[in-house]
Amino acid sequence: MFTAPGRNKDDGTPYFLRDSTFMLFAISDALALFASVTSVLTFLSMLTSRYAEDDSLITIGLVSLFISIAAIMVTFCAAMVLVLRNELAWIAVPVGLVACVPVTFFFMLQFPLLVELVLSTYGPTIFHKQNQLVLH
C-alpha cells in the first residue's frame, strides 16, 4: 500500500482522483513497478542460471531497466506537480531538471551497449542470413 500525493477524503479516496496529472502519476507508477520487477528478475535469472549469459536476456533486462527509470522520472515529476501546484510551483522545474541529470548520464553511458546488443543479437551476421522473425 502506498500513499498517493495530496490528501485523502474521509472515505479514503484521493482528492486528485479526477485530475489528469494524478492519472499520469498512477499509470507511470504502475509501469515503473512492472518494468523494475521485470529488470530485476531478468538479471537475477541470468545470475542463477547454469548457462552463459544470453544476449536476448541482457537486452530484455536493459530495455526494462530503461523503461523503469523513465517511468520513475515521470512519476516523480507528476507527484511534484500535484504536491507543489498551488504553493511552490516555481521550484518544481529546477528540481525536476536536477533530478534528470543522473538519469541522462546513465542513459548516455548505457544506450550504446543496448544498441550493440540488439544489433549483435538480431542483426545480420557474416555466417548466415538472419531469419525474418524478430525473435528466434
C-alpha atoms as a PDB file:
ATOM      1  CA  MET A   1       0.000   0.000   0.000  1.00  0.00           C
ATOM      2  CA  PHE A   2       1.254   3.484  -0.803  1.00  0.00           C
ATOM      3  CA  THR A   3       0.071   6.978  -0.083  1.00  0.00           C
ATOM      4  CA  ALA A   4      -0.959   8.998  -3.106  1.00  0.00           C
ATOM      5  CA  PRO A   5       0.212  12.612  -3.403  1.00  0.00           C
ATOM      6  CA  GLY A   6      -2.114  15.077  -1.731  1.00  0.00           C
ATOM      7  CA  ARG A   7      -4.621  14.413   0.975  1.00  0.00           C
ATOM      8  CA  ASN A   8      -7.395  11.862   1.023  1.00  0.00           C
ATOM      9  CA  LYS A   9     -11.085  12.463   1.546  1.00  0.00           C
ATOM     10  CA  ASP A  10     -12.862  10.996   4.570  1.00  0.00           C
ATOM     11  CA  ASP A  11     -13.835   7.899   2.567  1.00  0.00           C
ATOM     12  CA  GLY A  12     -10.169   7.256   1.652  1.00  0.00           C
ATOM     13  CA  THR A  13     -10.223   8.372  -1.986  1.00  0.00           C
ATOM     14  CA  PRO A  14      -7.599  10.911  -3.057  1.00  0.00           C
ATOM     15  CA  TYR A  15      -8.627  14.487  -3.770  1.00  0.00           C
ATOM     16  CA  PHE A  16      -6.774  14.407  -7.081  1.00  0.00           C
ATOM     17  CA  LEU A  17      -8.549  11.281  -8.352  1.00  0.00           C
ATOM     18  CA  ARG A  18     -10.187  13.084 -11.315  1.00  0.00           C
ATOM     19  CA  ASP A  19      -7.048  15.075 -12.179  1.00  0.00           C
ATOM     20  CA  SER A  20      -5.192  14.069 -15.355  1.00  0.00           C
ATOM     21  CA  THR A  21      -1.830  14.629 -13.624  1.00  0.00           C
ATOM     22  CA  PHE A  22      -2.838  12.154 -10.933  1.00  0.00           C
ATOM     23  CA  MET A  23      -3.757   9.592 -13.600  1.00  0.00           C
ATOM     24  CA  LEU A  24      -0.338  10.152 -15.197  1.00  0.00           C
ATOM     25  CA  PHE A  25       1.202   9.571 -11.765  1.00  0.00           C
ATOM     26  CA  ALA A  26      -0.752   6.356 -11.192  1.00  0.00           C
ATOM     27  CA  ILE A  27      -0.061   4.887 -14.648  1.00  0.00           C
ATOM     28  CA  SER A  28       3.655   5.733 -14.619  1.00  0.00           C
ATOM     29  CA  ASP A  29       3.964   4.400 -11.072  1.00  0.00           C
ATOM     30  CA  ALA A  30       2.469   1.065 -12.122  1.00  0.00           C
ATOM     31  CA  LEU A  31       4.652   0.961 -15.258  1.00  0.00           C
ATOM     32  CA  ALA A  32       7.754   1.693 -13.172  1.00  0.00           C
ATOM     33  CA  LEU A  33       6.867  -1.119 -10.781  1.00  0.00           C
ATOM     34  CA  PHE A  34       6.336  -3.717 -13.515  1.00  0.00           C
ATOM     35  CA  ALA A  35       9.402  -2.685 -15.518  1.00  0.00           C
ATOM     36  CA  SER A  36      11.701  -2.644 -12.497  1.00  0.00           C
ATOM     37  CA  VAL A  37      10.472  -6.048 -11.328  1.00  0.00           C
ATOM     38  CA  THR A  38      10.996  -7.415 -14.856  1.00  0.00           C
ATOM     39  CA  SER A  39      14.500  -5.975 -14.941  1.00  0.00           C
ATOM     40  CA  VAL A  40      15.458  -7.365 -11.537  1.00  0.00           C
ATOM     41  CA  LEU A  41      14.042 -10.815 -12.290  1.00  0.00           C
ATOM     42  CA  THR A  42      15.781 -10.923 -15.673  1.00  0.00           C
ATOM     43  CA  PHE A  43      19.163 -10.045 -14.217  1.00  0.00           C
ATOM     44  CA  LEU A  44      18.652 -12.455 -11.303  1.00  0.00           C
ATOM     45  CA  SER A  45      17.737 -15.271 -13.685  1.00  0.00           C
ATOM     46  CA  MET A  46      20.991 -14.660 -15.560  1.00  0.00           C
ATOM     47  CA  LEU A  47      22.938 -14.857 -12.288  1.00  0.00           C
ATOM     48  CA  THR A  48      21.318 -18.090 -11.162  1.00  0.00           C
ATOM     49  CA  SER A  49      21.290 -19.937 -14.496  1.00  0.00           C
ATOM     50  CA  ARG A  50      23.897 -22.574 -15.256  1.00  0.00           C
ATOM     51  CA  TYR A  51      24.340 -21.386 -18.819  1.00  0.00           C
ATOM     52  CA  ALA A  52      26.307 -18.439 -20.154  1.00  0.00           C
ATOM     53  CA  GLU A  53      24.593 -15.100 -20.453  1.00  0.00           C
ATOM     54  CA  ASP A  54      22.180 -14.900 -23.322  1.00  0.00           C
ATOM     55  CA  ASP A  55      22.217 -11.631 -25.290  1.00  0.00           C
ATOM     56  CA  SER A  56      18.439 -11.625 -25.559  1.00  0.00           C
ATOM     57  CA  LEU A  57      18.099 -11.790 -21.768  1.00  0.00           C
ATOM     58  CA  ILE A  58      20.555  -8.918 -21.350  1.00  0.00           C
ATOM     59  CA  THR A  59      18.612  -6.931 -23.960  1.00  0.00           C
ATOM     60  CA  ILE A  60      15.304  -7.560 -22.163  1.00  0.00           C
ATOM     61  CA  GLY A  61      16.876  -6.603 -18.856  1.00  0.00           C
ATOM     62  CA  LEU A  62      18.364  -3.362 -20.197  1.00  0.00           C
ATOM     63  CA  VAL A  63      15.192  -2.339 -22.041  1.00  0.00           C
ATOM     64  CA  SER A  64      13.060  -2.920 -18.957  1.00  0.00           C
ATOM     65  CA  LEU A  65      15.621  -1.035 -16.866  1.00  0.00           C
ATOM     66  CA  PHE A  66      15.434   1.969 -19.222  1.00  0.00           C
ATOM     67  CA  ILE A  67      11.617   1.867 -19.176  1.00  0.00           C
ATOM     68  CA  SER A  68      11.648   1.636 -15.392  1.00  0.00           C
ATOM     69  CA  ILE A  69      13.945   4.632 -14.986  1.00  0.00           C
ATOM     70  CA  ALA A  70      11.913   6.740 -17.418  1.00  0.00           C
ATOM     71  CA  ALA A  71       8.664   5.816 -15.669  1.00  0.00           C
ATOM     72  CA  ILE A  72      10.177   6.636 -12.272  1.00  0.00           C
ATOM     73  CA  MET A  73      11.121  10.083 -13.553  1.00  0.00           C
ATOM     74  CA  VAL A  74       7.607  10.678 -14.929  1.00  0.00           C
ATOM     75  CA  THR A  75       6.135   9.532 -11.608  1.00  0.00           C
ATOM     76  CA  PHE A  76       8.430  11.856  -9.686  1.00  0.00           C
ATOM     77  CA  CYS A  77       7.587  14.850 -11.885  1.00  0.00           C
ATOM     78  CA  ALA A  78       3.842  14.174 -11.729  1.00  0.00           C
ATOM     79  CA  ALA A  79       3.990  13.926  -7.932  1.00  0.00           C
ATOM     80  CA  MET A  80       5.958  17.190  -7.780  1.00  0.00           C
ATOM     81  CA  VAL A  81       3.340  18.942  -9.901  1.00  0.00           C
ATOM     82  CA  LEU A  82       0.498  17.572  -7.776  1.00  0.00           C
ATOM     83  CA  VAL A  83       2.063  18.461  -4.444  1.00  0.00           C
ATOM     84  CA  LEU A  84       3.589  21.818  -5.358  1.00  0.00           C
ATOM     85  CA  ARG A  85       0.885  23.027  -7.736  1.00  0.00           C
ATOM     86  CA  ASN A  86      -0.602  25.762  -5.566  1.00  0.00           C
ATOM     87  CA  GLU A  87       2.187  26.926  -3.290  1.00  0.00           C
ATOM     88  CA  LEU A  88       5.726  26.437  -4.591  1.00  0.00           C
ATOM     89  CA  ALA A  89       5.106  25.811  -8.283  1.00  0.00           C
ATOM     90  CA  TRP A  90       8.319  27.613  -9.292  1.00  0.00           C
ATOM     91  CA  ILE A  91      10.534  25.034  -7.518  1.00  0.00           C
ATOM     92  CA  ALA A  92       9.154  22.046  -9.466  1.00  0.00           C
ATOM     93  CA  VAL A  93      11.016  22.849 -12.703  1.00  0.00           C
ATOM     94  CA  PRO A  94      14.532  23.262 -11.212  1.00  0.00           C
ATOM     95  CA  VAL A  95      14.135  20.186  -9.006  1.00  0.00           C
ATOM     96  CA  GLY A  96      12.866  18.136 -11.962  1.00  0.00           C
ATOM     97  CA  LEU A  97      15.792  19.251 -14.115  1.00  0.00           C
ATOM     98  CA  VAL A  98      18.348  18.432 -11.413  1.00  0.00           C
ATOM     99  CA  ALA A  99      16.735  15.010 -10.941  1.00  0.00           C
ATOM    100  CA  CYS A 100      17.123  14.309 -14.671  1.00  0.00           C
ATOM    101  CA  VAL A 101      20.913  14.813 -14.650  1.00  0.00           C
ATOM    102  CA  PRO A 102      21.937  11.369 -13.283  1.00  0.00           C
ATOM    103  CA  VAL A 103      19.321   9.649 -15.431  1.00  0.00           C
ATOM    104  CA  THR A 104      20.675  11.388 -18.526  1.00  0.00           C
ATOM    105  CA  PHE A 105      24.233  10.320 -17.676  1.00  0.00           C
ATOM    106  CA  PHE A 106      23.127   6.720 -17.147  1.00  0.00           C
ATOM    107  CA  PHE A 107      21.242   6.732 -20.436  1.00  0.00           C
ATOM    108  CA  MET A 108      24.212   8.207 -22.331  1.00  0.00           C
ATOM    109  CA  LEU A 109      26.555   5.582 -20.879  1.00  0.00           C
ATOM    110  CA  GLN A 110      24.341   2.510 -21.300  1.00  0.00           C
ATOM    111  CA  PHE A 111      22.393   3.208 -24.501  1.00  0.00           C
ATOM    112  CA  PRO A 112      25.330   2.364 -26.829  1.00  0.00           C
ATOM    113  CA  LEU A 113      25.594  -1.022 -25.085  1.00  0.00           C
ATOM    114  CA  LEU A 114      21.897  -1.643 -25.689  1.00  0.00           C
ATOM    115  CA  VAL A 115      22.221  -0.739 -29.381  1.00  0.00           C
ATOM    116  CA  GLU A 116      25.214  -3.059 -29.800  1.00  0.00           C
ATOM    117  CA  LEU A 117      23.381  -5.906 -28.053  1.00  0.00           C
ATOM    118  CA  VAL A 118      20.318  -5.525 -30.255  1.00  0.00           C
ATOM    119  CA  LEU A 119      22.422  -5.373 -33.412  1.00  0.00           C
ATOM    120  CA  SER A 120      24.550  -8.355 -32.445  1.00  0.00           C
ATOM    121  CA  THR A 121      21.558 -10.433 -31.382  1.00  0.00           C
ATOM    122  CA  TYR A 122      19.047  -9.626 -34.130  1.00  0.00           C
ATOM    123  CA  GLY A 123      21.189  -8.100 -36.898  1.00  0.00           C
ATOM    124  CA  PRO A 124      22.806  -9.863 -39.866  1.00  0.00           C
ATOM    125  CA  THR A 125      25.896 -11.971 -39.311  1.00  0.00           C
ATOM    126  CA  ILE A 126      28.740 -12.993 -41.603  1.00  0.00           C
ATOM    127  CA  PHE A 127      27.990 -16.724 -41.236  1.00  0.00           C
ATOM    128  CA  HIS A 128      24.361 -16.957 -42.272  1.00  0.00           C
ATOM    129  CA  LYS A 129      21.433 -14.843 -43.282  1.00  0.00           C
ATOM    130  CA  GLN A 130      19.250 -13.931 -40.333  1.00  0.00           C
ATOM    131  CA  ASN A 131      15.741 -15.208 -40.122  1.00  0.00           C
ATOM    132  CA  GLN A 132      12.923 -12.791 -40.917  1.00  0.00           C
ATOM    133  CA  LEU A 133      11.456 -13.379 -37.456  1.00  0.00           C
ATOM    134  CA  VAL A 134      12.033 -10.660 -34.903  1.00  0.00           C
ATOM    135  CA  LEU A 135      12.715 -13.131 -32.093  1.00  0.00           C
ATOM    136  CA  HIS A 136      14.132 -16.605 -32.655  1.00  0.00           C
END
